Every structure is written in structure tokens, then in C-alpha cells.
Amino acid sequence: MQRLAEHLYSILITLWVGALWAIGYLAAPTLFRVLDDRALAGNLAGQMFTYVAWLGMAAAAYLLVFLALRKNGAAFKSGVFWLILLMLLLTVASYFGLQPVLAQLKAESFPREVMESALRNRFAAWHGVSSIVYLIQSLLGLFLVALQGRGLR
């Protein structure tokens, strides 16, 4: 059973970080490059980012519990534990803090698209903040992949 838990630990790190990079830096930019309708591209990308956020929250919950049980009190001394917790906090802040602001700006601009409305600059600023948070999360994910073995020791 312990080997299964260890394998799941590695698989979830791979899925979470892989999804961050695949959606954020491959799929979403491709949607905007290929689709003529930028609103449709944004809606599809938003849906994918939602899936990545939920995947991240579920993965982080398992990973934190795994490390806490595996290392007992020493989990709080583990860099991997704090890295996962920081990534989780960024995910939660983005999904429950930044995304609702972006959604509200889109709703307020209706029936026009937000980028064609007076709210364009506010939306662009909040989208920039969201993008920076996502970039930080993605880079932390690379460190997590590189350091994941330390969580098993």
C-alpha cells in the first residue's frame, strides 16, 4: 500500500505541473492563435484553467496529507511541503480571488465583449496580475518536479 501512495504522489505532481504548463503555455495560446473569435478562445481557455485549478487543489490536498503522514512533524521542515502549500495558496487565490474579478468585469461589459468596452483597461490589468500569479505557480511547479524525491525521503 505504501508503494501505491508513493506512486500516486509522483503521478499527481506530474499531472498538476504538466497541466499547468500544457494548458497555460500550449493550449491557451493556441486557442487565441487559431480561433478567429477571441471571446470564444477566452471562454475555452477559462474552462481549461478551471479544470487545472480543481486538479491542483485536489492534488495539493493529497500531496500535503501524504507528506504530513509520511514525515509526521518533520513535514513542516520539508521544502517540498512548503512548495506544495505555496502553490495551493496561489491556486486558491487565483481561482477564488482573481477569476471572480475577471468574470465580474466580463459581466459588467455585457452585451459587449470586455475587450471592446470601457472596462478593457481594468480587465487587462487584472488579467496581467492573474498571468503573473500563474507564471509564478508554473515556475514553482518546475522546482516541485525537480525536488519531488525529497518528499519521499
C-alpha atoms as a PDB file:
ATOM      1  CA  MET A   1       0.000   0.000   0.000  1.00  0.00           C
ATOM      2  CA  GLN A   2       2.917   2.325   0.738  1.00  0.00           C
ATOM      3  CA  ARG A   3       4.258   1.914  -2.813  1.00  0.00           C
ATOM      4  CA  LEU A   4       0.845   2.840  -4.240  1.00  0.00           C
ATOM      5  CA  ALA A   5       0.794   6.014  -2.123  1.00  0.00           C
ATOM      6  CA  GLU A   6       4.315   6.880  -3.323  1.00  0.00           C
ATOM      7  CA  HIS A   7       3.391   6.289  -6.959  1.00  0.00           C
ATOM      8  CA  LEU A   8       0.268   8.407  -6.583  1.00  0.00           C
ATOM      9  CA  TYR A   9       2.449  11.167  -5.063  1.00  0.00           C
ATOM     10  CA  SER A  10       4.652  11.226  -8.182  1.00  0.00           C
ATOM     11  CA  ILE A  11       1.738  10.872 -10.596  1.00  0.00           C
ATOM     12  CA  LEU A  12      -0.173  13.780  -9.056  1.00  0.00           C
ATOM     13  CA  ILE A  13       2.853  16.064  -9.164  1.00  0.00           C
ATOM     14  CA  THR A  14       3.321  15.137 -12.827  1.00  0.00           C
ATOM     15  CA  LEU A  15      -0.365  15.703 -13.656  1.00  0.00           C
ATOM     16  CA  TRP A  16      -0.604  19.013 -11.815  1.00  0.00           C
ATOM     17  CA  VAL A  17       2.576  20.590 -13.128  1.00  0.00           C
ATOM     18  CA  GLY A  18       2.108  19.084 -16.585  1.00  0.00           C
ATOM     19  CA  ALA A  19      -1.404  20.521 -16.762  1.00  0.00           C
ATOM     20  CA  LEU A  20      -0.174  23.948 -15.647  1.00  0.00           C
ATOM     21  CA  TRP A  21       2.371  24.027 -18.458  1.00  0.00           C
ATOM     22  CA  ALA A  22       0.292  22.298 -21.149  1.00  0.00           C
ATOM     23  CA  ILE A  23      -2.785  24.465 -20.697  1.00  0.00           C
ATOM     24  CA  GLY A  24      -1.085  27.748 -19.840  1.00  0.00           C
ATOM     25  CA  TYR A  25       1.677  27.729 -22.412  1.00  0.00           C
ATOM     26  CA  LEU A  26       0.449  25.417 -25.182  1.00  0.00           C
ATOM     27  CA  ALA A  27      -3.341  25.072 -25.324  1.00  0.00           C
ATOM     28  CA  ALA A  28      -4.466  28.590 -24.349  1.00  0.00           C
ATOM     29  CA  PRO A  29      -2.068  30.434 -26.681  1.00  0.00           C
ATOM     30  CA  THR A  30      -3.027  28.032 -29.478  1.00  0.00           C
ATOM     31  CA  LEU A  31      -6.722  28.832 -28.983  1.00  0.00           C
ATOM     32  CA  PHE A  32      -6.046  32.548 -29.387  1.00  0.00           C
ATOM     33  CA  ARG A  33      -3.833  31.964 -32.409  1.00  0.00           C
ATOM     34  CA  VAL A  34      -6.192  29.557 -34.222  1.00  0.00           C
ATOM     35  CA  LEU A  35      -9.689  30.809 -33.391  1.00  0.00           C
ATOM     36  CA  ASP A  36     -10.937  33.996 -35.012  1.00  0.00           C
ATOM     37  CA  ASP A  37     -13.401  34.596 -32.178  1.00  0.00           C
ATOM     38  CA  ARG A  38     -11.269  35.865 -29.257  1.00  0.00           C
ATOM     39  CA  ALA A  39     -14.223  35.710 -26.868  1.00  0.00           C
ATOM     40  CA  LEU A  40     -14.697  32.019 -27.659  1.00  0.00           C
ATOM     41  CA  ALA A  41     -10.968  31.410 -27.245  1.00  0.00           C
ATOM     42  CA  GLY A  42     -11.067  33.189 -23.877  1.00  0.00           C
ATOM     43  CA  ASN A  43     -14.072  31.192 -22.710  1.00  0.00           C
ATOM     44  CA  LEU A  44     -12.477  27.889 -23.713  1.00  0.00           C
ATOM     45  CA  ALA A  45      -9.176  28.829 -22.093  1.00  0.00           C
ATOM     46  CA  GLY A  46     -11.047  29.885 -18.955  1.00  0.00           C
ATOM     47  CA  GLN A  47     -12.741  26.484 -18.777  1.00  0.00           C
ATOM     48  CA  MET A  48      -9.397  24.732 -19.094  1.00  0.00           C
ATOM     49  CA  PHE A  49      -7.872  26.929 -16.381  1.00  0.00           C
ATOM     50  CA  THR A  50     -10.815  25.998 -14.148  1.00  0.00           C
ATOM     51  CA  TYR A  51     -10.051  22.296 -14.644  1.00  0.00           C
ATOM     52  CA  VAL A  52      -6.371  22.899 -13.882  1.00  0.00           C
ATOM     53  CA  ALA A  53      -7.285  24.792 -10.708  1.00  0.00           C
ATOM     54  CA  TRP A  54      -9.508  21.972  -9.422  1.00  0.00           C
ATOM     55  CA  LEU A  55      -6.882  19.396 -10.367  1.00  0.00           C
ATOM     56  CA  GLY A  56      -4.290  21.455  -8.485  1.00  0.00           C
ATOM     57  CA  MET A  57      -6.425  21.794  -5.377  1.00  0.00           C
ATOM     58  CA  ALA A  58      -7.175  18.060  -5.305  1.00  0.00           C
ATOM     59  CA  ALA A  59      -3.555  17.111  -5.990  1.00  0.00           C
ATOM     60  CA  ALA A  60      -2.234  19.516  -3.358  1.00  0.00           C
ATOM     61  CA  ALA A  61      -4.653  18.138  -0.759  1.00  0.00           C
ATOM     62  CA  TYR A  62      -3.403  14.593  -1.352  1.00  0.00           C
ATOM     63  CA  LEU A  63       0.257  15.657  -1.505  1.00  0.00           C
ATOM     64  CA  LEU A  64       0.088  17.631   1.745  1.00  0.00           C
ATOM     65  CA  VAL A  65      -1.662  14.799   3.585  1.00  0.00           C
ATOM     66  CA  PHE A  66       0.811  12.280   2.130  1.00  0.00           C
ATOM     67  CA  LEU A  67       3.790  14.335   3.331  1.00  0.00           C
ATOM     68  CA  ALA A  68       2.237  15.026   6.734  1.00  0.00           C
ATOM     69  CA  LEU A  69       1.628  11.306   7.328  1.00  0.00           C
ATOM     70  CA  ARG A  70       4.949  10.207   5.865  1.00  0.00           C
ATOM     71  CA  LYS A  71       7.114  12.691   7.741  1.00  0.00           C
ATOM     72  CA  ASN A  72       4.958  13.243  10.832  1.00  0.00           C
ATOM     73  CA  GLY A  73       6.045  16.522  12.452  1.00  0.00           C
ATOM     74  CA  ALA A  74       9.024  16.814  10.132  1.00  0.00           C
ATOM     75  CA  ALA A  75       6.721  17.688   7.205  1.00  0.00           C
ATOM     76  CA  PHE A  76       6.871  21.327   8.324  1.00  0.00           C
ATOM     77  CA  LYS A  77      10.646  21.235   7.878  1.00  0.00           C
ATOM     78  CA  SER A  78      10.313  19.948   4.326  1.00  0.00           C
ATOM     79  CA  GLY A  79      10.849  22.381   1.468  1.00  0.00           C
ATOM     80  CA  VAL A  80       8.615  20.213  -0.731  1.00  0.00           C
ATOM     81  CA  PHE A  81       5.749  20.591   1.763  1.00  0.00           C
ATOM     82  CA  TRP A  82       6.036  24.394   1.743  1.00  0.00           C
ATOM     83  CA  LEU A  83       6.385  24.475  -2.044  1.00  0.00           C
ATOM     84  CA  ILE A  84       3.150  22.499  -2.449  1.00  0.00           C
ATOM     85  CA  LEU A  85       1.393  24.676   0.131  1.00  0.00           C
ATOM     86  CA  LEU A  86       2.513  27.862  -1.654  1.00  0.00           C
ATOM     87  CA  MET A  87       1.323  26.509  -4.999  1.00  0.00           C
ATOM     88  CA  LEU A  88      -2.010  25.600  -3.404  1.00  0.00           C
ATOM     89  CA  LEU A  89      -2.391  29.078  -1.901  1.00  0.00           C
ATOM     90  CA  LEU A  90      -1.665  30.665  -5.288  1.00  0.00           C
ATOM     91  CA  THR A  91      -4.228  28.375  -6.919  1.00  0.00           C
ATOM     92  CA  VAL A  92      -6.872  29.252  -4.339  1.00  0.00           C
ATOM     93  CA  ALA A  93      -6.098  32.981  -4.565  1.00  0.00           C
ATOM     94  CA  SER A  94      -6.321  32.882  -8.335  1.00  0.00           C
ATOM     95  CA  TYR A  95      -9.438  30.754  -8.604  1.00  0.00           C
ATOM     96  CA  PHE A  96     -11.456  32.267  -5.757  1.00  0.00           C
ATOM     97  CA  GLY A  97      -9.964  35.784  -5.812  1.00  0.00           C
ATOM     98  CA  LEU A  98      -8.793  36.834  -9.262  1.00  0.00           C
ATOM     99  CA  GLN A  99     -11.083  34.803 -11.514  1.00  0.00           C
ATOM    100  CA  PRO A 100     -14.294  36.203  -9.956  1.00  0.00           C
ATOM    101  CA  VAL A 101     -12.982  39.744 -10.561  1.00  0.00           C
ATOM    102  CA  LEU A 102     -12.367  38.917 -14.224  1.00  0.00           C
ATOM    103  CA  ALA A 103     -15.790  37.273 -14.525  1.00  0.00           C
ATOM    104  CA  GLN A 104     -17.452  40.312 -12.944  1.00  0.00           C
ATOM    105  CA  LEU A 105     -15.744  42.664 -15.385  1.00  0.00           C
ATOM    106  CA  LYS A 106     -16.925  40.486 -18.272  1.00  0.00           C
ATOM    107  CA  ALA A 107     -20.471  40.518 -16.906  1.00  0.00           C
ATOM    108  CA  GLU A 108     -20.434  44.300 -16.434  1.00  0.00           C
ATOM    109  CA  SER A 109     -19.353  44.815 -20.043  1.00  0.00           C
ATOM    110  CA  PHE A 110     -22.260  42.767 -21.426  1.00  0.00           C
ATOM    111  CA  PRO A 111     -23.610  42.891 -24.128  1.00  0.00           C
ATOM    112  CA  ARG A 112     -20.227  43.992 -25.465  1.00  0.00           C
ATOM    113  CA  GLU A 113     -17.097  41.872 -25.174  1.00  0.00           C
ATOM    114  CA  VAL A 114     -14.948  43.102 -22.306  1.00  0.00           C
ATOM    115  CA  MET A 115     -12.044  43.984 -24.607  1.00  0.00           C
ATOM    116  CA  GLU A 116     -14.372  46.178 -26.653  1.00  0.00           C
ATOM    117  CA  SER A 117     -15.772  48.003 -23.628  1.00  0.00           C
ATOM    118  CA  ALA A 118     -14.764  50.817 -21.312  1.00  0.00           C
ATOM    119  CA  LEU A 119     -13.634  48.132 -18.835  1.00  0.00           C
ATOM    120  CA  ARG A 120     -10.869  46.989 -21.177  1.00  0.00           C
ATOM    121  CA  ASN A 121      -8.012  48.547 -19.174  1.00  0.00           C
ATOM    122  CA  ARG A 122      -9.232  47.223 -15.824  1.00  0.00           C
ATOM    123  CA  PHE A 123      -9.700  43.767 -17.312  1.00  0.00           C
ATOM    124  CA  ALA A 124      -6.226  43.867 -18.872  1.00  0.00           C
ATOM    125  CA  ALA A 125      -4.660  44.908 -15.550  1.00  0.00           C
ATOM    126  CA  TRP A 126      -6.393  42.137 -13.565  1.00  0.00           C
ATOM    127  CA  HIS A 127      -5.623  39.640 -16.331  1.00  0.00           C
ATOM    128  CA  GLY A 128      -1.960  40.679 -16.051  1.00  0.00           C
ATOM    129  CA  VAL A 129      -1.993  40.038 -12.300  1.00  0.00           C
ATOM    130  CA  SER A 130      -3.594  36.654 -12.936  1.00  0.00           C
ATOM    131  CA  SER A 131      -0.955  35.831 -15.557  1.00  0.00           C
ATOM    132  CA  ILE A 132       1.881  36.711 -13.181  1.00  0.00           C
ATOM    133  CA  VAL A 133       0.405  34.521 -10.450  1.00  0.00           C
ATOM    134  CA  TYR A 134       0.089  31.684 -12.979  1.00  0.00           C
ATOM    135  CA  LEU A 135       3.702  32.152 -14.104  1.00  0.00           C
ATOM    136  CA  ILE A 136       4.936  32.021 -10.506  1.00  0.00           C
ATOM    137  CA  GLN A 137       2.877  28.873  -9.946  1.00  0.00           C
ATOM    138  CA  SER A 138       4.309  27.301 -13.094  1.00  0.00           C
ATOM    139  CA  LEU A 139       7.892  28.066 -12.082  1.00  0.00           C
ATOM    140  CA  LEU A 140       7.297  26.732  -8.570  1.00  0.00           C
ATOM    141  CA  GLY A 141       5.933  23.617 -10.268  1.00  0.00           C
ATOM    142  CA  LEU A 142       9.274  23.112 -12.009  1.00  0.00           C
ATOM    143  CA  PHE A 143      11.021  23.255  -8.647  1.00  0.00           C
ATOM    144  CA  LEU A 144       8.484  20.784  -7.269  1.00  0.00           C
ATOM    145  CA  VAL A 145       9.201  18.324 -10.082  1.00  0.00           C
ATOM    146  CA  ALA A 146      12.940  18.685  -9.509  1.00  0.00           C
ATOM    147  CA  LEU A 147      12.660  18.287  -5.734  1.00  0.00           C
ATOM    148  CA  GLN A 148       9.851  15.734  -5.504  1.00  0.00           C
ATOM    149  CA  GLY A 149      12.250  12.957  -4.493  1.00  0.00           C
ATOM    150  CA  ARG A 150      12.985  14.784  -1.246  1.00  0.00           C
ATOM    151  CA  GLY A 151       9.362  14.293  -0.249  1.00  0.00           C
ATOM    152  CA  LEU A 152       9.859  10.523  -0.353  1.00  0.00           C
ATOM    153  CA  ARG A 153      12.885  10.552   1.960  1.00  0.00           C
END
